[in-house]
């Protein structure tokens, strides 16, 4: 009987110890995930600042994967195509500034809410320079792989931007 009474506290301590180990392991996993999410948010912050505030094309090589995919009003596949499109916007939109309003991370995904301001002082595709200042909100969801942006889904206030560039919204004559 004494042996059984002695085993009860030992078993109780063992069970408590195992539970503590599981709690500690869960906390460590949570901490590790939070660190990854913070790193991913800093990658996205560096991407926006480098791309529009510092206007540094090299940021693309640093922070995008070679096979990056951009989903937006048009799809961009691969870093070389991405660089071409970015180069067109960079030469068309001078004095650019982007403000990061929100960054939210979950796992490998980061959502950003930003506002970009620029002056269209160069041709933008078929749109000749207007000298107009534009301001547009952008919502982007990024998927990161090994600390680099592998995919992004973007919604931009393009209609507002076109109106600011002098375009008029006219109903079709159908």
Protein backbone atom coordinates (compact mmCIF):
# COMPACT_ATOMS: atom_id res chain seq x y z
CA UNK A 1 0.00 0.00 0.00
CA UNK A 2 2.86 2.35 0.83
CA UNK A 3 4.32 1.72 -2.63
CA UNK A 4 1.04 2.72 -4.30
CA UNK A 5 0.79 5.88 -2.21
CA UNK A 6 4.37 6.71 -3.14
CA UNK A 7 3.64 6.24 -6.87
CA UNK A 8 0.70 8.66 -6.94
CA UNK A 9 2.82 11.81 -6.37
CA UNK A 10 5.47 10.52 -8.79
CA UNK A 11 2.84 9.93 -11.50
CA UNK A 12 1.27 13.31 -10.78
CA UNK A 13 4.65 15.05 -11.15
CA UNK A 14 5.34 13.12 -14.34
CA UNK A 15 1.98 14.14 -15.85
CA UNK A 16 2.47 17.77 -14.87
CA UNK A 17 6.01 17.73 -16.25
CA UNK A 18 4.82 16.28 -19.58
CA UNK A 19 2.11 18.91 -19.82
CA UNK A 20 4.65 21.63 -19.07
CA UNK A 21 6.91 20.30 -21.82
CA UNK A 22 4.03 20.40 -24.29
CA UNK A 23 3.10 23.94 -23.24
CA UNK A 24 6.73 25.01 -23.60
CA UNK A 25 6.95 23.36 -27.04
CA UNK A 26 3.72 25.09 -28.11
CA UNK A 27 5.01 28.44 -26.89
CA UNK A 28 8.31 27.96 -28.72
CA UNK A 29 6.46 27.09 -31.96
CA UNK A 30 4.23 30.16 -31.53
CA UNK A 31 7.28 32.36 -30.87
CA UNK A 32 9.06 30.96 -33.94
CA UNK A 33 6.00 31.60 -36.13
CA UNK A 34 5.68 35.16 -34.79
CA UNK A 35 9.37 35.80 -35.61
CA UNK A 36 8.86 34.53 -39.19
CA UNK A 37 5.80 36.75 -39.59
CA UNK A 38 7.74 39.79 -38.35
CA UNK A 39 10.56 39.01 -40.78
CA UNK A 40 8.03 38.68 -43.63
CA UNK A 41 6.50 42.05 -42.70
CA UNK A 42 9.96 43.66 -42.76
CA UNK A 43 10.59 42.18 -46.25
CA UNK A 44 7.35 43.76 -47.51
CA UNK A 45 8.19 47.07 -45.83
CA UNK A 46 11.66 47.08 -47.42
CA UNK A 47 10.10 46.17 -50.78
CA UNK A 48 7.68 49.13 -50.75
CA UNK A 49 10.28 51.61 -49.45
CA UNK A 50 12.95 50.47 -51.90
CA UNK A 51 10.58 50.34 -54.84
CA UNK A 52 8.83 53.72 -54.50
CA UNK A 53 10.47 55.90 -51.82
CA UNK A 54 14.09 55.11 -52.69
CA UNK A 55 13.25 54.20 -56.33
CA UNK A 56 15.89 51.45 -56.36
CA UNK A 57 15.34 48.80 -59.07
CA UNK A 58 17.93 46.51 -57.38
CA UNK A 59 15.39 45.90 -54.61
CA UNK A 60 13.54 43.57 -57.00
CA UNK A 61 16.54 41.24 -57.33
CA UNK A 62 17.01 41.33 -53.58
CA UNK A 63 13.42 40.66 -52.49
CA UNK A 64 11.62 38.82 -55.33
CA UNK A 65 12.00 35.20 -56.39
CA UNK A 66 13.08 34.58 -60.00
CA UNK A 67 9.66 33.09 -60.80
CA UNK A 68 7.59 35.74 -59.01
CA UNK A 69 3.96 36.06 -60.15
CA UNK A 70 1.98 39.31 -59.89
CA UNK A 71 -1.82 39.12 -60.14
CA UNK A 72 -3.45 42.49 -60.75
CA UNK A 73 -5.10 44.29 -63.64
CA UNK A 74 -2.61 42.28 -65.70
CA UNK A 75 -0.55 39.25 -64.80
CA UNK A 76 3.23 39.45 -64.65
CA UNK A 77 5.27 36.24 -64.75
CA UNK A 78 8.90 36.16 -63.69
CA UNK A 79 11.32 38.77 -62.45
CA UNK A 80 12.43 39.96 -65.90
CA UNK A 81 8.87 40.84 -66.97
CA UNK A 82 8.33 42.38 -63.53
CA UNK A 83 11.40 44.60 -64.01
CA UNK A 84 10.12 45.79 -67.42
CA UNK A 85 6.72 46.80 -66.04
CA UNK A 86 8.28 48.43 -62.97
CA UNK A 87 10.73 50.32 -65.22
CA UNK A 88 7.85 51.75 -67.24
CA UNK A 89 6.09 52.98 -64.08
CA UNK A 90 9.35 54.24 -62.55
CA UNK A 91 10.13 56.40 -65.61
CA UNK A 92 6.53 57.64 -65.89
CA UNK A 93 5.86 58.43 -62.24
CA UNK A 94 8.33 60.85 -60.70
CA UNK A 95 8.57 62.11 -57.15
CA UNK A 96 6.88 58.97 -55.90
CA UNK A 97 6.18 58.31 -52.27
CA UNK A 98 4.40 55.38 -50.72
CA UNK A 99 2.98 55.30 -47.23
CA UNK A 100 2.42 51.95 -45.59
CA UNK A 101 -0.82 52.22 -43.66
CA UNK A 102 -1.14 48.60 -42.49
CA UNK A 103 0.87 45.38 -42.56
CA UNK A 104 -0.76 42.17 -41.35
CA UNK A 105 1.05 38.84 -41.42
CA UNK A 106 -0.21 35.31 -41.08
CA UNK A 107 2.13 32.45 -41.85
CA UNK A 108 3.75 32.99 -45.25
CA UNK A 109 1.31 35.75 -46.22
CA UNK A 110 1.50 39.50 -45.63
CA UNK A 111 -1.31 41.92 -46.48
CA UNK A 112 -0.40 45.55 -47.01
CA UNK A 113 -2.58 48.61 -47.28
CA UNK A 114 -0.64 51.47 -48.85
CA UNK A 115 -1.16 54.83 -50.49
CA UNK A 116 1.09 55.95 -53.33
CA UNK A 117 1.54 59.50 -54.54
CA UNK A 118 3.46 60.48 -57.64
CA UNK A 119 3.59 62.95 -60.52
CA UNK A 120 3.11 61.58 -64.02
CA UNK A 121 5.98 63.32 -65.80
CA UNK A 122 6.69 60.64 -68.39
CA UNK A 123 4.66 58.51 -70.79
CA UNK A 124 2.73 55.69 -69.15
CA UNK A 125 2.13 53.23 -71.95
CA UNK A 126 -0.06 55.14 -74.42
CA UNK A 127 -0.75 57.95 -71.92
CA UNK A 128 1.41 61.01 -72.62
CA UNK A 129 2.90 62.92 -69.67
CA UNK A 130 0.28 65.07 -67.93
CA UNK A 131 2.26 66.58 -65.07
CA UNK A 132 -0.68 65.64 -62.84
CA UNK A 133 -0.22 64.42 -59.31
CA UNK A 134 -1.91 61.12 -58.57
CA UNK A 135 -2.77 59.42 -55.30
CA UNK A 136 -4.14 55.90 -55.11
CA UNK A 137 -4.74 53.26 -52.48
CA UNK A 138 -3.28 49.80 -53.00
CA UNK A 139 -4.21 46.57 -51.26
CA UNK A 140 -1.70 43.76 -51.81
CA UNK A 141 -1.41 40.24 -50.46
CA UNK A 142 2.10 38.80 -50.69
CA UNK A 143 3.13 35.17 -50.41
CA UNK A 144 6.72 34.76 -49.25
CA UNK A 145 9.05 31.81 -49.64
CA UNK A 146 12.38 31.74 -47.79
CA UNK A 147 12.28 35.48 -47.11
CA UNK A 148 11.45 36.52 -50.69
CA UNK A 149 8.22 37.56 -52.39
CA UNK A 150 7.04 34.72 -54.61
CA UNK A 151 3.55 35.92 -55.45
CA UNK A 152 1.38 38.98 -55.01
CA UNK A 153 -2.26 39.80 -55.55
CA UNK A 154 -2.92 43.53 -55.96
CA UNK A 155 -5.98 45.74 -56.10
CA UNK A 156 -5.29 49.39 -56.92
CA UNK A 157 -7.63 52.35 -57.21
CA UNK A 158 -6.92 52.54 -60.94
CA UNK A 159 -10.13 54.37 -61.86
CA UNK A 160 -9.33 57.13 -59.37
CA UNK A 161 -5.80 57.33 -60.80
CA UNK A 162 -7.11 57.63 -64.39
CA UNK A 163 -9.49 60.42 -63.39
CA UNK A 164 -6.60 62.24 -61.69
CA UNK A 165 -4.63 61.91 -64.94
CA UNK A 166 -7.46 63.72 -66.76
CA UNK A 167 -9.53 60.87 -68.15
CA UNK A 168 -13.30 61.16 -68.07
CA UNK A 169 -15.74 58.42 -67.30
CA UNK A 170 -18.19 58.40 -70.19
CA UNK A 171 -21.02 55.89 -70.60
CA UNK A 172 -20.89 53.76 -73.73
CA UNK A 173 -23.25 54.69 -76.55
CA UNK A 174 -24.77 51.20 -76.85
